[in-house]
Each structure stands twice: as C-alpha cells, then as structure tokens.
Amino acid sequence: MRTGLEMVDEVWVASTFCKEVFRSYTDKPVRLVPLPVIPPADGASRAELGLPEDRFLFVNSFDYLSTFERKNPMGVL
C-alpha cells in the first residue's frame, strides 16, 4: 500500500486504528469515514436469545473466501 500512497491526494479509513497506521506512513490527509452502520436502540437479552446467563460467550466471524489459517477460527475455542 505504500506505493499506492504516492498515487492519492488523501486516504479515507473506517477506523481510528487504520488512521493512526496510515498517518505513520504519509503526510497526506487521512480522513476517518466511519461505516454507515446504526446500532440498534436496544438488543435482545440473553434470555430472549436462549443463551445462558452464567457463561462467558465468544463470537467468531470470518469470510470463507479468506484463508483459514489467517483468520484462525479454531483459536477462539
């Protein structure tokens, strides 16, 4: 991506983490453009979802077109 930085006037990123990373590689403007996702006003409770109240739960989501090793879904277990 460093080569690509020479071809743009500014960089748009979706997170503050990415903004900090790109800022360390360029003096060009790096703009935070959050994803247009509106969180729900309130979520379902564990009881409504049929989930136990006395357990710690993990969620792992990944793209099956990515590599299994890179996303490491077994690591969450």
PDB file of N, CA and C in Angstrom:
ATOM      1  N   MET A   1       0.813  -1.194   0.000  1.00  0.00           N
ATOM      2  CA  MET A   1       0.000   0.000   0.000  1.00  0.00           C
ATOM      3  C   MET A   1       0.856   1.257   0.000  1.00  0.00           C
ATOM      4  N   ARG A   2       2.089   1.145   0.441  1.00  0.00           N
ATOM      5  CA  ARG A   2       2.944   2.346   0.472  1.00  0.00           C
ATOM      6  C   ARG A   2       3.120   2.936  -0.919  1.00  0.00           C
ATOM      7  N   THR A   3       3.257   2.076  -1.932  1.00  0.00           N
ATOM      8  CA  THR A   3       3.378   2.571  -3.305  1.00  0.00           C
ATOM      9  C   THR A   3       2.115   3.312  -3.711  1.00  0.00           C
ATOM     10  N   GLY A   4       0.973   2.802  -3.300  1.00  0.00           N
ATOM     11  CA  GLY A   4      -0.300   3.430  -3.627  1.00  0.00           C
ATOM     12  C   GLY A   4      -0.457   4.808  -3.005  1.00  0.00           C
ATOM     13  N   LEU A   5       0.210   5.049  -1.884  1.00  0.00           N
ATOM     14  CA  LEU A   5       0.117   6.359  -1.242  1.00  0.00           C
ATOM     15  C   LEU A   5       0.647   7.469  -2.135  1.00  0.00           C
ATOM     16  N   GLU A   6       1.549   7.141  -3.042  1.00  0.00           N
ATOM     17  CA  GLU A   6       2.091   8.132  -3.967  1.00  0.00           C
ATOM     18  C   GLU A   6       1.073   8.554  -5.018  1.00  0.00           C
ATOM     19  N   MET A   7       0.024   7.748  -5.205  1.00  0.00           N
ATOM     20  CA  MET A   7      -0.945   7.990  -6.268  1.00  0.00           C
ATOM     21  C   MET A   7      -2.236   8.656  -5.802  1.00  0.00           C
ATOM     22  N   VAL A   8      -2.339   8.965  -4.503  1.00  0.00           N
ATOM     23  CA  VAL A   8      -3.578   9.546  -3.989  1.00  0.00           C
ATOM     24  C   VAL A   8      -3.317  10.904  -3.348  1.00  0.00           C
ATOM     25  N   ASP A   9      -4.372  11.701  -3.248  1.00  0.00           N
ATOM     26  CA  ASP A   9      -4.278  13.002  -2.589  1.00  0.00           C
ATOM     27  C   ASP A   9      -4.589  12.907  -1.107  1.00  0.00           C
ATOM     28  N   GLU A  10      -5.427  11.928  -0.749  1.00  0.00           N
ATOM     29  CA  GLU A  10      -5.771  11.704   0.642  1.00  0.00           C
ATOM     30  C   GLU A  10      -6.236  10.258   0.797  1.00  0.00           C
ATOM     31  N   VAL A  11      -6.309   9.811   2.045  1.00  0.00           N
ATOM     32  CA  VAL A  11      -6.701   8.435   2.347  1.00  0.00           C
ATOM     33  C   VAL A  11      -7.929   8.475   3.244  1.00  0.00           C
ATOM     34  N   TRP A  12      -8.926   7.654   2.926  1.00  0.00           N
ATOM     35  CA  TRP A  12     -10.118   7.538   3.755  1.00  0.00           C
ATOM     36  C   TRP A  12     -10.069   6.181   4.443  1.00  0.00           C
ATOM     37  N   VAL A  13     -10.291   6.162   5.747  1.00  0.00           N
ATOM     38  CA  VAL A  13     -10.251   4.920   6.514  1.00  0.00           C
ATOM     39  C   VAL A  13     -11.504   4.805   7.372  1.00  0.00           C
ATOM     40  N   ALA A  14     -11.802   3.587   7.808  1.00  0.00           N
ATOM     41  CA  ALA A  14     -13.030   3.339   8.564  1.00  0.00           C
ATOM     42  C   ALA A  14     -12.815   3.238  10.070  1.00  0.00           C
ATOM     43  N   SER A  15     -11.561   3.302  10.546  1.00  0.00           N
ATOM     44  CA  SER A  15     -11.325   3.186  11.984  1.00  0.00           C
ATOM     45  C   SER A  15     -10.179   4.094  12.423  1.00  0.00           C
ATOM     46  N   THR A  16     -10.187   4.433  13.704  1.00  0.00           N
ATOM     47  CA  THR A  16      -9.095   5.251  14.237  1.00  0.00           C
ATOM     48  C   THR A  16      -7.789   4.476  14.213  1.00  0.00           C
ATOM     49  N   PHE A  17      -7.853   3.160  14.364  1.00  0.00           N
ATOM     50  CA  PHE A  17      -6.641   2.337  14.281  1.00  0.00           C
ATOM     51  C   PHE A  17      -5.988   2.502  12.911  1.00  0.00           C
ATOM     52  N   CYS A  18      -6.774   2.343  11.844  1.00  0.00           N
ATOM     53  CA  CYS A  18      -6.236   2.490  10.491  1.00  0.00           C
ATOM     54  C   CYS A  18      -5.728   3.910  10.253  1.00  0.00           C
ATOM     55  N   LYS A  19      -6.425   4.882  10.816  1.00  0.00           N
ATOM     56  CA  LYS A  19      -5.996   6.271  10.648  1.00  0.00           C
ATOM     57  C   LYS A  19      -4.599   6.460  11.242  1.00  0.00           C
ATOM     58  N   GLU A  20      -4.368   5.926  12.426  1.00  0.00           N
ATOM     59  CA  GLU A  20      -3.059   6.044  13.061  1.00  0.00           C
ATOM     60  C   GLU A  20      -1.978   5.334  12.246  1.00  0.00           C
ATOM     61  N   VAL A  21      -2.304   4.178  11.713  1.00  0.00           N
ATOM     62  CA  VAL A  21      -1.327   3.431  10.915  1.00  0.00           C
ATOM     63  C   VAL A  21      -0.949   4.217   9.664  1.00  0.00           C
ATOM     64  N   PHE A  22      -1.928   4.685   8.910  1.00  0.00           N
ATOM     65  CA  PHE A  22      -1.636   5.428   7.686  1.00  0.00           C
ATOM     66  C   PHE A  22      -0.912   6.738   7.979  1.00  0.00           C
ATOM     67  N   ARG A  23      -1.269   7.409   9.079  1.00  0.00           N
ATOM     68  CA  ARG A  23      -0.600   8.664   9.426  1.00  0.00           C
ATOM     69  C   ARG A  23       0.893   8.450   9.657  1.00  0.00           C
ATOM     70  N   SER A  24       1.269   7.242  10.088  1.00  0.00           N
ATOM     71  CA  SER A  24       2.685   6.978  10.328  1.00  0.00           C
ATOM     72  C   SER A  24       3.466   6.774   9.026  1.00  0.00           C
ATOM     73  N   TYR A  25       2.762   6.641   7.898  1.00  0.00           N
ATOM     74  CA  TYR A  25       3.423   6.414   6.606  1.00  0.00           C
ATOM     75  C   TYR A  25       3.283   7.561   5.618  1.00  0.00           C
ATOM     76  N   THR A  26       2.447   8.562   5.942  1.00  0.00           N
ATOM     77  CA  THR A  26       2.246   9.639   4.980  1.00  0.00           C
ATOM     78  C   THR A  26       1.940  10.964   5.682  1.00  0.00           C
ATOM     79  N   ASP A  27       2.254  12.047   4.986  1.00  0.00           N
ATOM     80  CA  ASP A  27       1.891  13.374   5.458  1.00  0.00           C
ATOM     81  C   ASP A  27       0.598  13.854   4.808  1.00  0.00           C
ATOM     82  N   LYS A  28       0.059  13.052   3.888  1.00  0.00           N
ATOM     83  CA  LYS A  28      -1.193  13.419   3.218  1.00  0.00           C
ATOM     84  C   LYS A  28      -2.345  13.302   4.209  1.00  0.00           C
ATOM     85  N   PRO A  29      -3.440  13.998   3.948  1.00  0.00           N
ATOM     86  CA  PRO A  29      -4.587  13.905   4.861  1.00  0.00           C
ATOM     87  C   PRO A  29      -5.123  12.473   4.947  1.00  0.00           C
ATOM     88  N   VAL A  30      -5.375  12.040   6.160  1.00  0.00           N
ATOM     89  CA  VAL A  30      -6.006  10.742   6.398  1.00  0.00           C
ATOM     90  C   VAL A  30      -7.311  11.033   7.122  1.00  0.00           C
ATOM     91  N   ARG A  31      -8.412  10.729   6.470  1.00  0.00           N
ATOM     92  CA  ARG A  31      -9.727  11.095   6.992  1.00  0.00           C
ATOM     93  C   ARG A  31     -10.478   9.867   7.513  1.00  0.00           C
ATOM     94  N   LEU A  32     -11.035  10.030   8.687  1.00  0.00           N
ATOM     95  CA  LEU A  32     -11.849   8.974   9.275  1.00  0.00           C
ATOM     96  C   LEU A  32     -13.260   9.064   8.708  1.00  0.00           C
ATOM     97  N   VAL A  33     -13.683   8.027   8.022  1.00  0.00           N
ATOM     98  CA  VAL A  33     -15.021   7.950   7.441  1.00  0.00           C
ATOM     99  C   VAL A  33     -15.669   6.685   8.006  1.00  0.00           C
ATOM    100  N   PRO A  34     -16.353   6.788   9.147  1.00  0.00           N
ATOM    101  CA  PRO A  34     -16.933   5.606   9.777  1.00  0.00           C
ATOM    102  C   PRO A  34     -17.925   4.898   8.865  1.00  0.00           C
ATOM    103  N   LEU A  35     -18.039   3.605   9.062  1.00  0.00           N
ATOM    104  CA  LEU A  35     -19.006   2.827   8.293  1.00  0.00           C
ATOM    105  C   LEU A  35     -20.417   3.280   8.645  1.00  0.00           C
ATOM    106  N   PRO A  36     -21.301   3.352   7.667  1.00  0.00           N
ATOM    107  CA  PRO A  36     -22.659   3.850   7.917  1.00  0.00           C
ATOM    108  C   PRO A  36     -23.548   2.781   8.554  1.00  0.00           C
ATOM    109  N   VAL A  37     -23.218   2.403   9.767  1.00  0.00           N
ATOM    110  CA  VAL A  37     -23.991   1.390  10.482  1.00  0.00           C
ATOM    111  C   VAL A  37     -24.596   2.049  11.714  1.00  0.00           C
ATOM    112  N   ILE A  38     -25.880   1.929  11.848  1.00  0.00           N
ATOM    113  CA  ILE A  38     -26.565   2.491  13.005  1.00  0.00           C
ATOM    114  C   ILE A  38     -26.857   1.340  13.961  1.00  0.00           C
ATOM    115  N   PRO A  39     -26.285   1.380  15.158  1.00  0.00           N
ATOM    116  CA  PRO A  39     -26.539   0.297  16.111  1.00  0.00           C
ATOM    117  C   PRO A  39     -28.001   0.292  16.548  1.00  0.00           C
ATOM    118  N   PRO A  40     -28.524  -0.871  16.865  1.00  0.00           N
ATOM    119  CA  PRO A  40     -29.909  -0.930  17.324  1.00  0.00           C
ATOM    120  C   PRO A  40     -30.080  -0.165  18.636  1.00  0.00           C
ATOM    121  N   ALA A  41     -31.266   0.360  18.850  1.00  0.00           N
ATOM    122  CA  ALA A  41     -31.548   1.124  20.064  1.00  0.00           C
ATOM    123  C   ALA A  41     -31.356   0.256  21.302  1.00  0.00           C
ATOM    124  N   ASP A  42     -31.814  -0.970  21.243  1.00  0.00           N
ATOM    125  CA  ASP A  42     -31.580  -1.912  22.334  1.00  0.00           C
ATOM    126  C   ASP A  42     -31.542  -3.312  21.746  1.00  0.00           C
ATOM    127  N   GLY A  43     -30.768  -4.162  22.359  1.00  0.00           N
ATOM    128  CA  GLY A  43     -30.594  -5.510  21.841  1.00  0.00           C
ATOM    129  C   GLY A  43     -31.428  -6.518  22.605  1.00  0.00           C
ATOM    130  N   ALA A  44     -31.444  -7.707  22.081  1.00  0.00           N
ATOM    131  CA  ALA A  44     -32.162  -8.792  22.738  1.00  0.00           C
ATOM    132  C   ALA A  44     -31.352  -9.252  23.948  1.00  0.00           C
ATOM    133  N   SER A  45     -32.033  -9.668  24.973  1.00  0.00           N
ATOM    134  CA  SER A  45     -31.358 -10.172  26.170  1.00  0.00           C
ATOM    135  C   SER A  45     -30.892 -11.610  25.917  1.00  0.00           C
ATOM    136  N   ARG A  46     -30.019 -12.076  26.763  1.00  0.00           N
ATOM    137  CA  ARG A  46     -29.566 -13.467  26.657  1.00  0.00           C
ATOM    138  C   ARG A  46     -30.756 -14.419  26.755  1.00  0.00           C
ATOM    139  N   ALA A  47     -31.670 -14.129  27.673  1.00  0.00           N
ATOM    140  CA  ALA A  47     -32.841 -14.996  27.845  1.00  0.00           C
ATOM    141  C   ALA A  47     -33.660 -15.063  26.555  1.00  0.00           C
ATOM    142  N   GLU A  48     -33.856 -13.900  25.904  1.00  0.00           N
ATOM    143  CA  GLU A  48     -34.630 -13.866  24.653  1.00  0.00           C
ATOM    144  C   GLU A  48     -33.945 -14.671  23.544  1.00  0.00           C
ATOM    145  N   LEU A  49     -32.613 -14.742  23.608  1.00  0.00           N
ATOM    146  CA  LEU A  49     -31.869 -15.495  22.597  1.00  0.00           C
ATOM    147  C   LEU A  49     -31.624 -16.943  23.009  1.00  0.00           C
ATOM    148  N   GLY A  50     -32.075 -17.313  24.196  1.00  0.00           N
ATOM    149  CA  GLY A  50     -31.887 -18.682  24.672  1.00  0.00           C
ATOM    150  C   GLY A  50     -30.444 -18.979  25.058  1.00  0.00           C
ATOM    151  N   LEU A  51     -29.723 -17.949  25.520  1.00  0.00           N
ATOM    152  CA  LEU A  51     -28.313 -18.111  25.892  1.00  0.00           C
ATOM    153  C   LEU A  51     -28.176 -18.133  27.410  1.00  0.00           C
ATOM    154  N   PRO A  52     -27.216 -18.900  27.928  1.00  0.00           N
ATOM    155  CA  PRO A  52     -27.043 -18.976  29.385  1.00  0.00           C
ATOM    156  C   PRO A  52     -26.560 -17.654  29.976  1.00  0.00           C
ATOM    157  N   GLU A  53     -27.034 -17.345  31.161  1.00  0.00           N
ATOM    158  CA  GLU A  53     -26.644 -16.116  31.856  1.00  0.00           C
ATOM    159  C   GLU A  53     -25.332 -16.279  32.617  1.00  0.00           C
ATOM    160  N   ASP A  54     -24.940 -17.516  32.913  1.00  0.00           N
ATOM    161  CA  ASP A  54     -23.793 -17.767  33.780  1.00  0.00           C
ATOM    162  C   ASP A  54     -22.548 -18.238  33.029  1.00  0.00           C
ATOM    163  N   ARG A  55     -22.482 -17.955  31.742  1.00  0.00           N
ATOM    164  CA  ARG A  55     -21.335 -18.383  30.936  1.00  0.00           C
ATOM    165  C   ARG A  55     -20.750 -17.202  30.172  1.00  0.00           C
ATOM    166  N   PHE A  56     -19.454 -17.275  29.895  1.00  0.00           N
ATOM    167  CA  PHE A  56     -18.801 -16.282  29.047  1.00  0.00           C
ATOM    168  C   PHE A  56     -18.915 -16.774  27.618  1.00  0.00           C
ATOM    169  N   LEU A  57     -19.422 -15.951  26.715  1.00  0.00           N
ATOM    170  CA  LEU A  57     -19.661 -16.368  25.336  1.00  0.00           C
ATOM    171  C   LEU A  57     -18.673 -15.705  24.389  1.00  0.00           C
ATOM    172  N   PHE A  58     -18.284 -16.436  23.337  1.00  0.00           N
ATOM    173  CA  PHE A  58     -17.400 -15.925  22.303  1.00  0.00           C
ATOM    174  C   PHE A  58     -18.120 -15.953  20.967  1.00  0.00           C
ATOM    175  N   VAL A  59     -17.796 -14.995  20.116  1.00  0.00           N
ATOM    176  CA  VAL A  59     -18.308 -14.985  18.751  1.00  0.00           C
ATOM    177  C   VAL A  59     -17.108 -14.826  17.830  1.00  0.00           C
ATOM    178  N   ASN A  60     -17.072 -15.644  16.792  1.00  0.00           N
ATOM    179  CA  ASN A  60     -16.012 -15.518  15.786  1.00  0.00           C
ATOM    180  C   ASN A  60     -16.680 -15.540  14.420  1.00  0.00           C
ATOM    181  N   SER A  61     -16.389 -14.544  13.627  1.00  0.00           N
ATOM    182  CA  SER A  61     -16.966 -14.449  12.294  1.00  0.00           C
ATOM    183  C   SER A  61     -15.854 -14.167  11.306  1.00  0.00           C
ATOM    184  N   PHE A  62     -15.863 -14.885  10.182  1.00  0.00           N
ATOM    185  CA  PHE A  62     -14.839 -14.624   9.176  1.00  0.00           C
ATOM    186  C   PHE A  62     -15.360 -14.973   7.797  1.00  0.00           C
ATOM    187  N   ASP A  63     -14.682 -14.478   6.801  1.00  0.00           N
ATOM    188  CA  ASP A  63     -15.039 -14.683   5.399  1.00  0.00           C
ATOM    189  C   ASP A  63     -14.466 -16.009   4.926  1.00  0.00           C
ATOM    190  N   TYR A  64     -15.307 -16.911   4.458  1.00  0.00           N
ATOM    191  CA  TYR A  64     -14.843 -18.216   3.986  1.00  0.00           C
ATOM    192  C   TYR A  64     -13.950 -18.106   2.756  1.00  0.00           C
ATOM    193  N   LEU A  65     -13.960 -16.957   2.090  1.00  0.00           N
ATOM    194  CA  LEU A  65     -13.071 -16.780   0.945  1.00  0.00           C
ATOM    195  C   LEU A  65     -11.671 -16.343   1.380  1.00  0.00           C
ATOM    196  N   SER A  66     -11.511 -16.046   2.671  1.00  0.00           N
ATOM    197  CA  SER A  66     -10.192 -15.742   3.214  1.00  0.00           C
ATOM    198  C   SER A  66      -9.508 -17.063   3.559  1.00  0.00           C
ATOM    199  N   THR A  67      -8.295 -16.978   4.078  1.00  0.00           N
ATOM    200  CA  THR A  67      -7.592 -18.221   4.430  1.00  0.00           C
ATOM    201  C   THR A  67      -7.925 -18.630   5.860  1.00  0.00           C
ATOM    202  N   PHE A  68      -8.140 -19.909   6.038  1.00  0.00           N
ATOM    203  CA  PHE A  68      -8.484 -20.467   7.339  1.00  0.00           C
ATOM    204  C   PHE A  68      -7.402 -20.158   8.368  1.00  0.00           C
ATOM    205  N   GLU A  69      -6.142 -20.318   7.971  1.00  0.00           N
ATOM    206  CA  GLU A  69      -5.018 -20.104   8.886  1.00  0.00           C
ATOM    207  C   GLU A  69      -4.938 -18.655   9.345  1.00  0.00           C
ATOM    208  N   ARG A  70      -5.204 -17.731   8.442  1.00  0.00           N
ATOM    209  CA  ARG A  70      -5.108 -16.308   8.798  1.00  0.00           C
ATOM    210  C   ARG A  70      -6.178 -15.890   9.789  1.00  0.00           C
ATOM    211  N   LYS A  71      -7.385 -16.387   9.614  1.00  0.00           N
ATOM    212  CA  LYS A  71      -8.490 -15.998  10.486  1.00  0.00           C
ATOM    213  C   LYS A  71      -8.535 -16.832  11.767  1.00  0.00           C
ATOM    214  N   ASN A  72      -7.987 -18.030  11.739  1.00  0.00           N
ATOM    215  CA  ASN A  72      -7.852 -18.912  12.905  1.00  0.00           C
ATOM    216  C   ASN A  72      -9.135 -19.076  13.707  1.00  0.00           C
ATOM    217  N   PRO A  73     -10.205 -19.604  13.111  1.00  0.00           N
ATOM    218  CA  PRO A  73     -11.451 -19.782  13.867  1.00  0.00           C
ATOM    219  C   PRO A  73     -11.294 -20.796  14.993  1.00  0.00           C
ATOM    220  N   MET A  74     -10.361 -21.706  14.886  1.00  0.00           N
ATOM    221  CA  MET A  74     -10.150 -22.682  15.968  1.00  0.00           C
ATOM    222  C   MET A  74      -9.537 -22.004  17.193  1.00  0.00           C
ATOM    223  N   GLY A  75      -8.840 -20.875  16.991  1.00  0.00           N
ATOM    224  CA  GLY A  75      -8.233 -20.168  18.100  1.00  0.00           C
ATOM    225  C   GLY A  75      -9.238 -19.640  19.095  1.00  0.00           C
ATOM    226  N   VAL A  76     -10.431 -19.359  18.660  1.00  0.00           N
ATOM    227  CA  VAL A  76     -11.458 -18.861  19.579  1.00  0.00           C
ATOM    228  C   VAL A  76     -11.893 -19.958  20.543  1.00  0.00           C
ATOM    229  N   LEU A  77     -11.710 -21.200  20.126  1.00  0.00           N
ATOM    230  CA  LEU A  77     -12.085 -22.310  21.011  1.00  0.00           C
ATOM    231  C   LEU A  77     -11.074 -22.459  22.113  1.00  0.00           C
TER     232      LEU A  77
END
